[in-house]
Amino acid sequence: MPSDEIYRQHAGTYARFSEHSLPNAAYDRPEILRLAGNLAGRRVLELGCAAGVLTQQLTEGGATVLALDREPALVALARRRLAGRARIEAADLEQPLAMVPDASIDLAVASLVLHYIKDWRPLLAELHRCLVPGGALVFSIHHPITGWQLSGRADYHRTELISERWDWDGQPVTAQMYRRPVSAIFSQLRAGGFTVDVVAEPLPEEAGRTSDPRVMQILRTQPVFLFIRALREPAPPVSNP
């Protein structure tokens, strides 16, 4: 996983910025919640919860949430926000999710986090173990086209680490993430025992139109994030000898 130093050094700045920024507030979180569907009574595993804004929305929808993040500073902020309404733990998503029992989760949510992981196969295997048969994985990643452009339009077919400069309310940061071709996304899901149910490239919510017209224009006309809902396939039946 690329260095998460920017989230450690600027955890508070990121928490404030992500709560109101258009890509997060009017684009990513609304679509994640739409794909998640009815949350009442569902057991939700949130991967990469950051400071807990989406976590709060999941709990307000009636879900019981176990939220994970690698960065302890963000975990502390999320715990402060949720005030005991969700279980929030520090965890490395590239390691086994030992705190999650088998078939104990109805829905896994990963908002803008999987592009920090180069090889999805171990994590997908863990999610397949944790989810009930028919349970859903809903996630968003930076769009493969945008990643290819950031790579200098190098070999589209390879998975590689790229960098992008961001401005968090006046705090410039450089983030690193992996970009991968569309075929790698779907082939790894399929190999991990998931069936793709929905692929979405939505338009942002109209409520954000007047707050930053420049960003809104980008969200309305360019590939920014890709959203996917995938369903955990049932295990194959055991053949009698």
Protein backbone atom coordinates (compact mmCIF):
# COMPACT_ATOMS: atom_id res chain seq x y z
CA MET A 1 0.00 0.00 0.00
CA PRO A 2 1.35 3.50 -0.79
CA SER A 3 2.38 5.71 2.10
CA ASP A 4 -0.55 7.16 4.03
CA GLU A 5 1.65 9.87 5.50
CA ILE A 6 -0.62 12.63 4.18
CA TYR A 7 -3.55 11.24 6.20
CA ARG A 8 -1.38 10.99 9.31
CA GLN A 9 0.06 14.49 8.99
CA HIS A 10 -3.17 16.18 7.88
CA ALA A 11 -5.89 14.05 9.45
CA GLY A 12 -7.85 17.00 10.82
CA THR A 13 -7.57 18.95 7.57
CA TYR A 14 -8.74 15.98 5.55
CA ALA A 15 -11.63 15.34 7.93
CA ARG A 16 -12.91 18.90 7.53
CA PHE A 17 -12.32 18.98 3.79
CA SER A 18 -13.91 15.63 2.94
CA GLU A 19 -17.05 16.48 4.87
CA HIS A 20 -18.00 19.32 2.52
CA SER A 21 -16.00 18.86 -0.71
CA LEU A 22 -18.21 18.31 -3.76
CA PRO A 23 -16.56 15.08 -4.96
CA ASN A 24 -17.19 13.52 -1.54
CA ALA A 25 -20.42 15.15 -0.39
CA ALA A 26 -22.36 15.56 -3.65
CA TYR A 27 -20.93 12.72 -5.72
CA ASP A 28 -19.24 9.82 -3.91
CA ARG A 29 -21.20 9.36 -0.69
CA PRO A 30 -24.67 9.78 -2.26
CA GLU A 31 -23.91 7.14 -4.89
CA ILE A 32 -22.39 4.74 -2.36
CA LEU A 33 -25.55 5.05 -0.26
CA ARG A 34 -27.78 4.60 -3.31
CA LEU A 35 -26.01 1.38 -4.28
CA ALA A 36 -26.05 0.19 -0.66
CA GLY A 37 -29.86 0.39 -0.64
CA ASN A 38 -31.98 -0.15 2.45
CA LEU A 39 -29.67 -0.21 5.47
CA ALA A 40 -32.18 -0.92 8.22
CA GLY A 41 -31.05 -3.87 10.30
CA ARG A 42 -28.10 -4.70 8.05
CA ARG A 43 -24.63 -5.57 9.30
CA VAL A 44 -22.15 -3.36 7.44
CA LEU A 45 -18.37 -3.56 7.19
CA GLU A 46 -16.89 -0.24 6.10
CA LEU A 47 -13.36 -0.30 4.69
CA GLY A 48 -11.37 2.91 4.92
CA CYS A 49 -13.79 4.89 7.07
CA ALA A 50 -11.49 7.94 7.39
CA ALA A 51 -13.02 10.41 9.87
CA GLY A 52 -16.40 8.69 9.89
CA VAL A 53 -18.69 10.89 7.77
CA LEU A 54 -20.00 7.96 5.72
CA THR A 55 -19.98 5.81 8.85
CA GLN A 56 -22.40 8.23 10.45
CA GLN A 57 -24.69 8.14 7.42
CA LEU A 58 -24.68 4.34 7.45
CA THR A 59 -25.67 4.23 11.11
CA GLU A 60 -28.35 6.87 10.57
CA GLY A 61 -29.80 4.57 7.91
CA GLY A 62 -30.23 1.87 10.54
CA ALA A 63 -27.13 -0.26 9.93
CA THR A 64 -24.91 -1.87 12.55
CA VAL A 65 -21.45 -0.81 11.40
CA LEU A 66 -17.94 -2.11 11.92
CA ALA A 67 -15.67 0.53 10.38
CA LEU A 68 -11.96 0.05 9.69
CA ASP A 69 -9.16 2.42 8.77
CA ARG A 70 -5.41 2.02 8.65
CA GLU A 71 -4.61 5.46 10.08
CA PRO A 72 -5.00 5.71 13.89
CA ALA A 73 -5.46 9.51 13.76
CA LEU A 74 -8.51 9.07 11.50
CA VAL A 75 -9.83 6.23 13.67
CA ALA A 76 -9.69 8.59 16.66
CA LEU A 77 -11.61 11.27 14.75
CA ALA A 78 -14.21 8.75 13.59
CA ARG A 79 -14.71 7.46 17.13
CA ARG A 80 -15.20 11.02 18.35
CA ARG A 81 -17.79 11.67 15.63
CA LEU A 82 -19.72 8.45 16.17
CA ALA A 83 -19.59 8.55 19.97
CA GLY A 84 -20.17 4.81 20.35
CA ARG A 85 -22.82 4.42 17.63
CA ALA A 86 -20.44 2.24 15.57
CA ARG A 87 -17.48 0.00 16.26
CA ILE A 88 -14.38 1.58 14.74
CA GLU A 89 -11.02 -0.18 14.62
CA ALA A 90 -7.56 0.38 13.14
CA ALA A 91 -6.79 -2.30 10.55
CA ASP A 92 -4.53 -2.86 7.57
CA LEU A 93 -6.70 -4.00 4.64
CA GLU A 94 -3.77 -5.92 3.19
CA GLN A 95 -3.82 -8.23 6.23
CA PRO A 96 -6.49 -10.78 7.25
CA LEU A 97 -9.58 -9.21 8.80
CA ALA A 98 -9.29 -11.28 11.94
CA MET A 99 -11.86 -9.18 13.82
CA VAL A 100 -14.63 -10.14 11.35
CA PRO A 101 -16.21 -13.61 11.77
CA ASP A 102 -17.16 -15.77 8.80
CA ALA A 103 -20.46 -14.92 7.08
CA SER A 104 -21.18 -12.15 9.59
CA ILE A 105 -21.61 -9.20 7.20
CA ASP A 106 -24.52 -8.33 4.91
CA LEU A 107 -22.81 -5.45 3.13
CA ALA A 108 -19.21 -4.30 2.68
CA VAL A 109 -18.62 -0.68 1.68
CA ALA A 110 -15.32 0.74 0.41
CA SER A 111 -15.49 4.42 -0.51
CA LEU A 112 -12.39 5.57 -2.43
CA VAL A 113 -10.00 3.15 -0.74
CA LEU A 114 -9.37 0.12 -3.00
CA HIS A 115 -7.17 2.16 -5.36
CA TYR A 116 -4.60 2.26 -2.54
CA ILE A 117 -4.22 -1.53 -2.74
CA LYS A 118 -2.17 -3.03 -5.57
CA ASP A 119 -3.33 -6.64 -5.35
CA TRP A 120 -7.01 -7.01 -4.52
CA ARG A 121 -7.04 -10.79 -4.39
CA PRO A 122 -6.28 -11.31 -0.65
CA LEU A 123 -8.80 -8.65 0.39
CA LEU A 124 -11.50 -10.01 -1.92
CA ALA A 125 -10.92 -13.46 -0.45
CA GLU A 126 -11.40 -12.02 3.04
CA LEU A 127 -14.57 -10.19 1.99
CA HIS A 128 -15.92 -13.36 0.41
CA ARG A 129 -15.33 -15.08 3.74
CA CYS A 130 -16.92 -12.30 5.80
CA LEU A 131 -20.01 -11.72 3.65
CA VAL A 132 -23.12 -13.86 3.77
CA PRO A 133 -23.96 -15.60 0.46
CA GLY A 134 -25.64 -13.00 -1.70
CA GLY A 135 -24.14 -10.18 0.37
CA ALA A 136 -22.94 -7.11 -1.49
CA LEU A 137 -19.67 -5.26 -1.90
CA VAL A 138 -20.24 -1.62 -2.86
CA PHE A 139 -17.18 0.44 -3.72
CA SER A 140 -15.85 3.47 -5.54
CA ILE A 141 -12.40 4.02 -7.03
CA HIS A 142 -10.75 6.70 -9.09
CA HIS A 143 -11.82 6.16 -12.67
CA PRO A 144 -9.42 4.05 -14.79
CA ILE A 145 -9.46 6.65 -17.57
CA THR A 146 -8.38 9.40 -15.19
CA GLY A 147 -5.65 7.15 -13.80
CA TRP A 148 -4.38 6.42 -17.30
CA GLN A 149 -4.23 10.16 -18.04
CA LEU A 150 -2.29 10.78 -14.82
CA SER A 151 0.20 8.10 -15.86
CA GLY A 152 1.11 10.17 -18.92
CA ARG A 153 -1.01 7.82 -21.05
CA ALA A 154 1.50 5.04 -20.58
CA ASP A 155 0.67 1.38 -21.15
CA TYR A 156 -3.03 1.26 -20.29
CA HIS A 157 -2.96 -2.47 -19.57
CA ARG A 158 -0.64 -2.45 -16.60
CA THR A 159 -1.38 -1.79 -12.95
CA GLU A 160 0.94 0.88 -11.63
CA LEU A 161 1.44 3.47 -8.92
CA ILE A 162 0.59 7.04 -9.89
CA SER A 163 0.61 10.38 -8.10
CA GLU A 164 -1.91 13.19 -8.00
CA ARG A 165 -1.76 16.66 -6.44
CA TRP A 166 -4.74 17.68 -4.35
CA ASP A 167 -5.76 20.86 -2.53
CA TRP A 168 -7.47 20.29 0.81
CA ASP A 169 -8.83 23.76 1.59
CA GLY A 170 -5.49 25.38 0.91
CA GLN A 171 -3.33 22.48 2.09
CA PRO A 172 -1.48 21.04 -0.93
CA VAL A 173 -0.82 17.30 -0.71
CA THR A 174 0.46 14.63 -3.06
CA ALA A 175 -1.39 11.32 -3.00
CA GLN A 176 -0.26 8.02 -4.45
CA MET A 177 -2.61 5.31 -5.67
CA TYR A 178 -2.76 2.42 -8.10
CA ARG A 179 -4.47 2.70 -11.42
CA ARG A 180 -5.53 -0.42 -13.28
CA PRO A 181 -7.38 -1.26 -16.50
CA VAL A 182 -11.09 -1.99 -16.43
CA SER A 183 -10.43 -5.64 -17.28
CA ALA A 184 -8.29 -6.07 -14.13
CA ILE A 185 -11.11 -4.71 -11.96
CA PHE A 186 -13.70 -7.14 -13.24
CA SER A 187 -11.44 -10.17 -13.61
CA GLN A 188 -10.27 -9.90 -9.98
CA LEU A 189 -13.87 -9.57 -8.77
CA ARG A 190 -14.88 -12.62 -10.79
CA ALA A 191 -11.90 -14.65 -9.59
CA GLY A 192 -12.75 -13.65 -6.03
CA GLY A 193 -16.21 -15.18 -6.23
CA PHE A 194 -18.21 -12.03 -6.94
CA THR A 195 -20.80 -11.30 -9.60
CA VAL A 196 -20.93 -7.69 -10.80
CA ASP A 197 -24.45 -6.38 -10.26
CA VAL A 198 -24.18 -2.64 -11.02
CA VAL A 199 -21.59 -0.43 -12.69
CA ALA A 200 -22.27 3.30 -12.32
CA GLU A 201 -20.75 6.55 -13.57
CA PRO A 202 -23.27 8.93 -12.01
CA LEU A 203 -23.85 12.63 -12.22
CA PRO A 204 -23.40 14.65 -9.02
CA GLU A 205 -26.31 15.76 -6.90
CA GLU A 206 -27.80 19.04 -8.07
CA ALA A 207 -27.63 20.43 -4.53
CA GLY A 208 -23.92 21.14 -5.01
CA ARG A 209 -24.32 23.07 -8.26
CA THR A 210 -23.86 26.59 -6.87
CA SER A 211 -21.10 25.94 -4.32
CA ASP A 212 -18.23 25.48 -6.80
CA PRO A 213 -19.24 25.71 -10.47
CA ARG A 214 -15.77 24.70 -11.72
CA VAL A 215 -15.69 21.46 -9.74
CA MET A 216 -19.33 20.78 -10.58
CA GLN A 217 -18.53 21.10 -14.28
CA ILE A 218 -15.73 18.54 -13.92
CA LEU A 219 -18.01 16.12 -12.09
CA ARG A 220 -20.71 16.51 -14.72
CA THR A 221 -18.52 16.10 -17.80
CA GLN A 222 -15.40 14.05 -16.96
CA PRO A 223 -14.68 10.51 -15.70
CA VAL A 224 -13.89 11.00 -12.02
CA PHE A 225 -14.93 7.93 -9.99
CA LEU A 226 -16.21 4.49 -10.94
CA PHE A 227 -18.84 2.80 -8.73
CA ILE A 228 -19.50 -0.94 -8.57
CA ARG A 229 -21.86 -3.20 -6.66
CA ALA A 230 -20.78 -6.85 -6.67
CA LEU A 231 -22.56 -9.78 -5.05
CA ARG A 232 -20.86 -12.60 -3.17
CA GLU A 233 -21.64 -15.83 -4.95
CA PRO A 234 -22.72 -18.83 -2.88
CA ALA A 235 -20.06 -21.43 -2.26
CA PRO A 236 -20.27 -24.37 -4.68
CA PRO A 237 -22.10 -27.39 -3.28
CA VAL A 238 -19.96 -30.08 -1.73
CA SER A 239 -20.08 -33.26 -3.77
CA ASN A 240 -20.71 -36.50 -1.94
CA PRO A 241 -17.89 -39.00 -2.39
